[in-house]
Amino acid sequence: GIFDLCCKTAMSSFPNPIAHEDYEGNIECINLRSVVADELLRVRMDTKMSLISEIREKVVIIGQELANGTNAGYHLSVVGHSRGGGYATVLGYYLASDMYLEVASAV
């Protein structure tokens, strides 16, 4: 069934964005489902950036506009459905672990 398909889906290893933090079970690399993570984290040849980096840049620009030049920060929600839910989960994890992203609350 679908559960067996999900369990057998290929995994890819990526650097853990919170590996610098001290917590039990901390590891240098994390395994993510290849279908979603490879698309988001692959560095593009034309821009030399990953899709996550490109989205982050846009989040910063729009967030600054929403904050109207104040240091109030902004709230960010990342959502999706089906494959978009996978994208939202991986993107949300990476954005939430970004210590330089100035959001007012957890992603």
N, C-alpha and C. Protein backbone atom coordinates (compact mmCIF):
# COMPACT_ATOMS: atom_id res chain seq x y z
N GLY A 1 0.80 -1.18 0.00
CA GLY A 1 0.00 0.00 0.00
C GLY A 1 0.85 1.26 0.00
N ILE A 2 0.20 2.36 0.26
CA ILE A 2 0.87 3.66 0.25
C ILE A 2 1.95 3.75 1.33
N PHE A 3 1.70 3.11 2.49
CA PHE A 3 2.69 3.14 3.57
C PHE A 3 3.99 2.48 3.12
N ASP A 4 3.89 1.33 2.44
CA ASP A 4 5.08 0.64 1.95
C ASP A 4 5.82 1.50 0.94
N LEU A 5 5.08 2.19 0.08
CA LEU A 5 5.70 3.07 -0.91
C LEU A 5 6.48 4.19 -0.23
N CYS A 6 5.88 4.79 0.80
CA CYS A 6 6.54 5.88 1.53
C CYS A 6 7.80 5.39 2.24
N CYS A 7 7.74 4.19 2.81
CA CYS A 7 8.89 3.66 3.55
C CYS A 7 10.05 3.33 2.63
N LYS A 8 9.76 3.01 1.39
CA LYS A 8 10.81 2.61 0.45
C LYS A 8 11.32 3.77 -0.40
N THR A 9 10.78 4.95 -0.19
CA THR A 9 11.21 6.12 -0.95
C THR A 9 12.66 6.44 -0.60
N ALA A 10 13.42 6.79 -1.61
CA ALA A 10 14.85 7.08 -1.41
C ALA A 10 15.04 8.28 -0.49
N MET A 11 16.09 8.21 0.29
CA MET A 11 16.45 9.28 1.21
C MET A 11 17.78 9.88 0.74
N SER A 12 17.95 11.17 1.01
CA SER A 12 19.22 11.85 0.73
C SER A 12 19.71 12.47 2.03
N SER A 13 21.02 12.58 2.15
CA SER A 13 21.63 13.14 3.36
C SER A 13 22.04 14.58 3.10
N PHE A 14 21.71 15.47 4.07
CA PHE A 14 22.01 16.89 3.96
C PHE A 14 22.60 17.38 5.28
N PRO A 15 23.41 18.45 5.25
CA PRO A 15 23.93 19.02 6.50
C PRO A 15 22.77 19.46 7.40
N ASN A 16 22.89 19.17 8.68
CA ASN A 16 21.88 19.55 9.66
C ASN A 16 22.04 21.04 9.98
N PRO A 17 21.03 21.87 9.69
CA PRO A 17 21.17 23.31 9.93
C PRO A 17 21.23 23.70 11.41
N ILE A 18 20.92 22.77 12.30
CA ILE A 18 21.02 23.07 13.73
C ILE A 18 22.07 22.19 14.41
N ALA A 19 23.02 21.70 13.63
CA ALA A 19 24.09 20.86 14.18
C ALA A 19 24.95 21.61 15.18
N HIS A 20 24.99 22.93 15.08
CA HIS A 20 25.81 23.75 15.99
C HIS A 20 25.21 23.83 17.39
N GLU A 21 23.93 23.45 17.53
CA GLU A 21 23.27 23.52 18.84
C GLU A 21 23.57 22.28 19.66
N ASP A 22 23.49 22.42 20.96
CA ASP A 22 23.78 21.32 21.87
C ASP A 22 22.47 20.67 22.31
N TYR A 23 22.17 19.50 21.77
CA TYR A 23 20.98 18.75 22.17
C TYR A 23 21.25 17.26 22.01
N GLU A 24 20.54 16.46 22.77
CA GLU A 24 20.72 15.02 22.74
C GLU A 24 20.34 14.48 21.36
N GLY A 25 21.17 13.63 20.81
CA GLY A 25 20.91 13.04 19.51
C GLY A 25 21.35 13.91 18.35
N ASN A 26 22.07 14.99 18.63
CA ASN A 26 22.54 15.89 17.58
C ASN A 26 23.43 15.13 16.60
N ILE A 27 23.18 15.34 15.33
CA ILE A 27 23.98 14.71 14.28
C ILE A 27 24.35 15.76 13.23
N GLU A 28 25.44 15.52 12.51
CA GLU A 28 25.93 16.47 11.51
C GLU A 28 25.05 16.51 10.26
N CYS A 29 24.48 15.35 9.91
CA CYS A 29 23.66 15.26 8.70
C CYS A 29 22.28 14.70 9.03
N ILE A 30 21.28 15.12 8.28
CA ILE A 30 19.93 14.60 8.44
C ILE A 30 19.50 13.95 7.13
N ASN A 31 18.64 12.96 7.22
CA ASN A 31 18.12 12.29 6.04
C ASN A 31 16.73 12.81 5.73
N LEU A 32 16.52 13.21 4.50
CA LEU A 32 15.23 13.72 4.05
C LEU A 32 14.80 12.98 2.80
N ARG A 33 13.49 12.88 2.57
CA ARG A 33 12.97 12.24 1.37
C ARG A 33 13.53 12.94 0.13
N SER A 34 14.11 12.18 -0.76
CA SER A 34 14.79 12.73 -1.93
C SER A 34 13.90 13.55 -2.84
N VAL A 35 12.68 13.10 -3.08
CA VAL A 35 11.81 13.76 -4.04
C VAL A 35 11.66 15.24 -3.72
N VAL A 36 11.43 15.56 -2.47
CA VAL A 36 11.20 16.94 -2.06
C VAL A 36 12.52 17.66 -1.76
N ALA A 37 13.32 17.08 -0.91
CA ALA A 37 14.54 17.74 -0.45
C ALA A 37 15.53 18.01 -1.58
N ASP A 38 15.67 17.07 -2.50
CA ASP A 38 16.61 17.29 -3.60
C ASP A 38 16.22 18.50 -4.43
N GLU A 39 14.92 18.68 -4.66
CA GLU A 39 14.46 19.84 -5.43
C GLU A 39 14.74 21.14 -4.69
N LEU A 40 14.49 21.16 -3.38
CA LEU A 40 14.65 22.39 -2.60
C LEU A 40 16.10 22.73 -2.30
N LEU A 41 16.94 21.73 -2.12
CA LEU A 41 18.31 21.97 -1.66
C LEU A 41 19.36 21.89 -2.77
N ARG A 42 18.98 21.44 -3.94
CA ARG A 42 19.93 21.37 -5.06
C ARG A 42 20.33 22.79 -5.48
N VAL A 43 21.61 23.02 -5.66
CA VAL A 43 22.09 24.33 -6.09
C VAL A 43 21.91 24.42 -7.61
N ARG A 44 21.19 25.45 -8.03
CA ARG A 44 20.92 25.65 -9.45
C ARG A 44 22.16 26.16 -10.16
N MET A 45 22.34 25.75 -11.40
CA MET A 45 23.51 26.17 -12.18
C MET A 45 23.41 27.64 -12.58
N ASP A 46 22.20 28.12 -12.87
CA ASP A 46 22.06 29.50 -13.36
C ASP A 46 22.19 30.54 -12.25
N THR A 47 21.62 30.29 -11.08
CA THR A 47 21.66 31.27 -10.00
C THR A 47 22.72 30.96 -8.94
N LYS A 48 23.25 29.75 -8.98
CA LYS A 48 24.21 29.27 -7.97
C LYS A 48 23.61 29.27 -6.56
N MET A 49 22.29 29.16 -6.50
CA MET A 49 21.57 29.14 -5.21
C MET A 49 20.59 27.98 -5.20
N SER A 50 20.28 27.51 -4.01
CA SER A 50 19.22 26.50 -3.88
C SER A 50 17.87 27.21 -3.89
N LEU A 51 16.82 26.45 -4.13
CA LEU A 51 15.49 27.02 -4.10
C LEU A 51 15.16 27.57 -2.71
N ILE A 52 15.63 26.88 -1.67
CA ILE A 52 15.41 27.37 -0.30
C ILE A 52 16.06 28.74 -0.12
N SER A 53 17.27 28.93 -0.65
CA SER A 53 17.95 30.23 -0.54
C SER A 53 17.20 31.32 -1.30
N GLU A 54 16.68 30.97 -2.46
CA GLU A 54 15.91 31.94 -3.25
C GLU A 54 14.63 32.33 -2.51
N ILE A 55 13.94 31.35 -1.95
CA ILE A 55 12.71 31.63 -1.20
C ILE A 55 13.04 32.47 0.02
N ARG A 56 14.14 32.14 0.71
CA ARG A 56 14.54 32.90 1.91
C ARG A 56 14.76 34.37 1.56
N GLU A 57 15.43 34.63 0.44
CA GLU A 57 15.66 36.02 0.02
C GLU A 57 14.34 36.77 -0.16
N LYS A 58 13.37 36.10 -0.79
CA LYS A 58 12.07 36.73 -1.00
C LYS A 58 11.33 36.94 0.32
N VAL A 59 11.45 35.98 1.24
CA VAL A 59 10.83 36.12 2.57
C VAL A 59 11.40 37.33 3.29
N VAL A 60 12.71 37.52 3.22
CA VAL A 60 13.36 38.66 3.88
C VAL A 60 12.85 39.97 3.29
N ILE A 61 12.80 40.06 1.97
CA ILE A 61 12.35 41.29 1.31
C ILE A 61 10.90 41.61 1.67
N ILE A 62 10.03 40.62 1.55
CA ILE A 62 8.60 40.84 1.86
C ILE A 62 8.41 41.10 3.34
N GLY A 63 9.16 40.40 4.19
CA GLY A 63 9.07 40.61 5.63
C GLY A 63 9.46 42.02 6.03
N GLN A 64 10.50 42.55 5.40
CA GLN A 64 10.92 43.93 5.68
C GLN A 64 9.85 44.92 5.25
N GLU A 65 9.21 44.65 4.13
CA GLU A 65 8.11 45.51 3.69
C GLU A 65 6.95 45.46 4.68
N LEU A 66 6.62 44.27 5.16
CA LEU A 66 5.52 44.12 6.12
C LEU A 66 5.83 44.80 7.45
N ALA A 67 7.09 44.75 7.85
CA ALA A 67 7.49 45.36 9.12
C ALA A 67 7.60 46.87 8.99
N ASN A 68 7.49 47.38 7.78
CA ASN A 68 7.48 48.83 7.53
C ASN A 68 8.72 49.54 8.08
N GLY A 69 9.86 48.90 7.98
CA GLY A 69 11.08 49.54 8.44
C GLY A 69 11.27 49.52 9.95
N THR A 70 10.32 48.97 10.70
CA THR A 70 10.48 48.87 12.15
C THR A 70 11.23 47.58 12.46
N ASN A 71 11.63 47.42 13.66
CA ASN A 71 12.29 46.18 14.08
C ASN A 71 11.30 45.22 14.73
N ALA A 72 10.02 45.37 14.39
CA ALA A 72 8.97 44.57 15.01
C ALA A 72 8.99 43.11 14.58
N GLY A 73 9.60 42.81 13.46
CA GLY A 73 9.58 41.45 12.95
C GLY A 73 8.25 41.16 12.26
N TYR A 74 8.06 39.94 11.85
CA TYR A 74 6.84 39.54 11.16
C TYR A 74 6.58 38.07 11.46
N HIS A 75 5.37 37.65 11.22
CA HIS A 75 4.99 36.25 11.44
C HIS A 75 5.04 35.53 10.10
N LEU A 76 5.49 34.29 10.11
CA LEU A 76 5.64 33.52 8.88
C LEU A 76 5.02 32.14 9.07
N SER A 77 4.12 31.79 8.17
CA SER A 77 3.54 30.45 8.13
C SER A 77 3.89 29.83 6.79
N VAL A 78 4.29 28.58 6.81
CA VAL A 78 4.62 27.86 5.59
C VAL A 78 3.68 26.67 5.50
N VAL A 79 2.85 26.63 4.47
CA VAL A 79 1.85 25.57 4.34
C VAL A 79 1.88 24.97 2.94
N GLY A 80 1.31 23.80 2.80
CA GLY A 80 1.20 23.15 1.50
C GLY A 80 0.33 21.92 1.61
N HIS A 81 -0.02 21.37 0.46
CA HIS A 81 -0.86 20.18 0.40
C HIS A 81 -0.18 19.15 -0.51
N SER A 82 -0.21 17.91 -0.12
CA SER A 82 0.38 16.82 -0.87
C SER A 82 1.88 17.06 -1.01
N ARG A 83 2.41 17.10 -2.22
CA ARG A 83 3.85 17.34 -2.36
C ARG A 83 4.21 18.71 -1.81
N GLY A 84 3.31 19.68 -1.95
CA GLY A 84 3.53 21.00 -1.38
C GLY A 84 3.68 20.95 0.13
N GLY A 85 3.00 19.99 0.78
CA GLY A 85 3.16 19.79 2.22
C GLY A 85 4.57 19.33 2.56
N GLY A 86 5.14 18.49 1.70
CA GLY A 86 6.52 18.07 1.88
C GLY A 86 7.47 19.23 1.73
N TYR A 87 7.22 20.05 0.69
CA TYR A 87 8.04 21.25 0.50
C TYR A 87 7.93 22.17 1.71
N ALA A 88 6.70 22.37 2.19
CA ALA A 88 6.47 23.27 3.33
C ALA A 88 7.18 22.76 4.58
N THR A 89 7.19 21.46 4.79
CA THR A 89 7.84 20.89 5.97
C THR A 89 9.35 21.12 5.94
N VAL A 90 9.97 20.81 4.81
CA VAL A 90 11.43 20.99 4.68
C VAL A 90 11.78 22.47 4.73
N LEU A 91 11.05 23.30 3.98
CA LEU A 91 11.31 24.74 3.97
C LEU A 91 11.11 25.33 5.36
N GLY A 92 10.03 24.96 6.04
CA GLY A 92 9.76 25.46 7.38
C GLY A 92 10.87 25.11 8.35
N TYR A 93 11.38 23.89 8.26
CA TYR A 93 12.48 23.45 9.13
C TYR A 93 13.72 24.32 8.91
N TYR A 94 14.07 24.51 7.65
CA TYR A 94 15.27 25.30 7.35
C TYR A 94 15.09 26.78 7.71
N LEU A 95 13.91 27.34 7.45
CA LEU A 95 13.69 28.74 7.82
C LEU A 95 13.65 28.91 9.34
N ALA A 96 13.03 27.97 10.04
CA ALA A 96 12.96 28.04 11.51
C ALA A 96 14.35 27.94 12.13
N SER A 97 15.26 27.24 11.47
CA SER A 97 16.60 27.07 12.03
C SER A 97 17.54 28.21 11.64
N ASP A 98 17.06 29.14 10.83
CA ASP A 98 17.88 30.26 10.37
C ASP A 98 17.91 31.35 11.45
N MET A 99 19.03 31.47 12.15
CA MET A 99 19.11 32.41 13.26
C MET A 99 19.15 33.87 12.80
N TYR A 100 19.35 34.10 11.52
CA TYR A 100 19.41 35.47 11.00
C TYR A 100 18.08 35.96 10.42
N LEU A 101 17.11 35.08 10.32
CA LEU A 101 15.79 35.45 9.83
C LEU A 101 15.03 36.11 10.98
N GLU A 102 14.60 37.34 10.80
CA GLU A 102 14.03 38.11 11.88
C GLU A 102 12.50 38.00 11.93
N VAL A 103 12.03 36.82 12.33
CA VAL A 103 10.58 36.63 12.48
C VAL A 103 10.19 36.86 13.92
N ALA A 104 8.94 37.29 14.13
CA ALA A 104 8.46 37.63 15.47
C ALA A 104 8.05 36.40 16.28
N SER A 105 7.83 35.27 15.60
CA SER A 105 7.42 34.05 16.30
C SER A 105 7.97 32.85 15.53
N ALA A 106 7.79 31.69 16.08
CA ALA A 106 8.28 30.47 15.44
C ALA A 106 7.63 30.27 14.08
N VAL A 107 8.38 29.69 13.16
CA VAL A 107 7.87 29.40 11.81
C VAL A 107 6.98 28.20 11.90
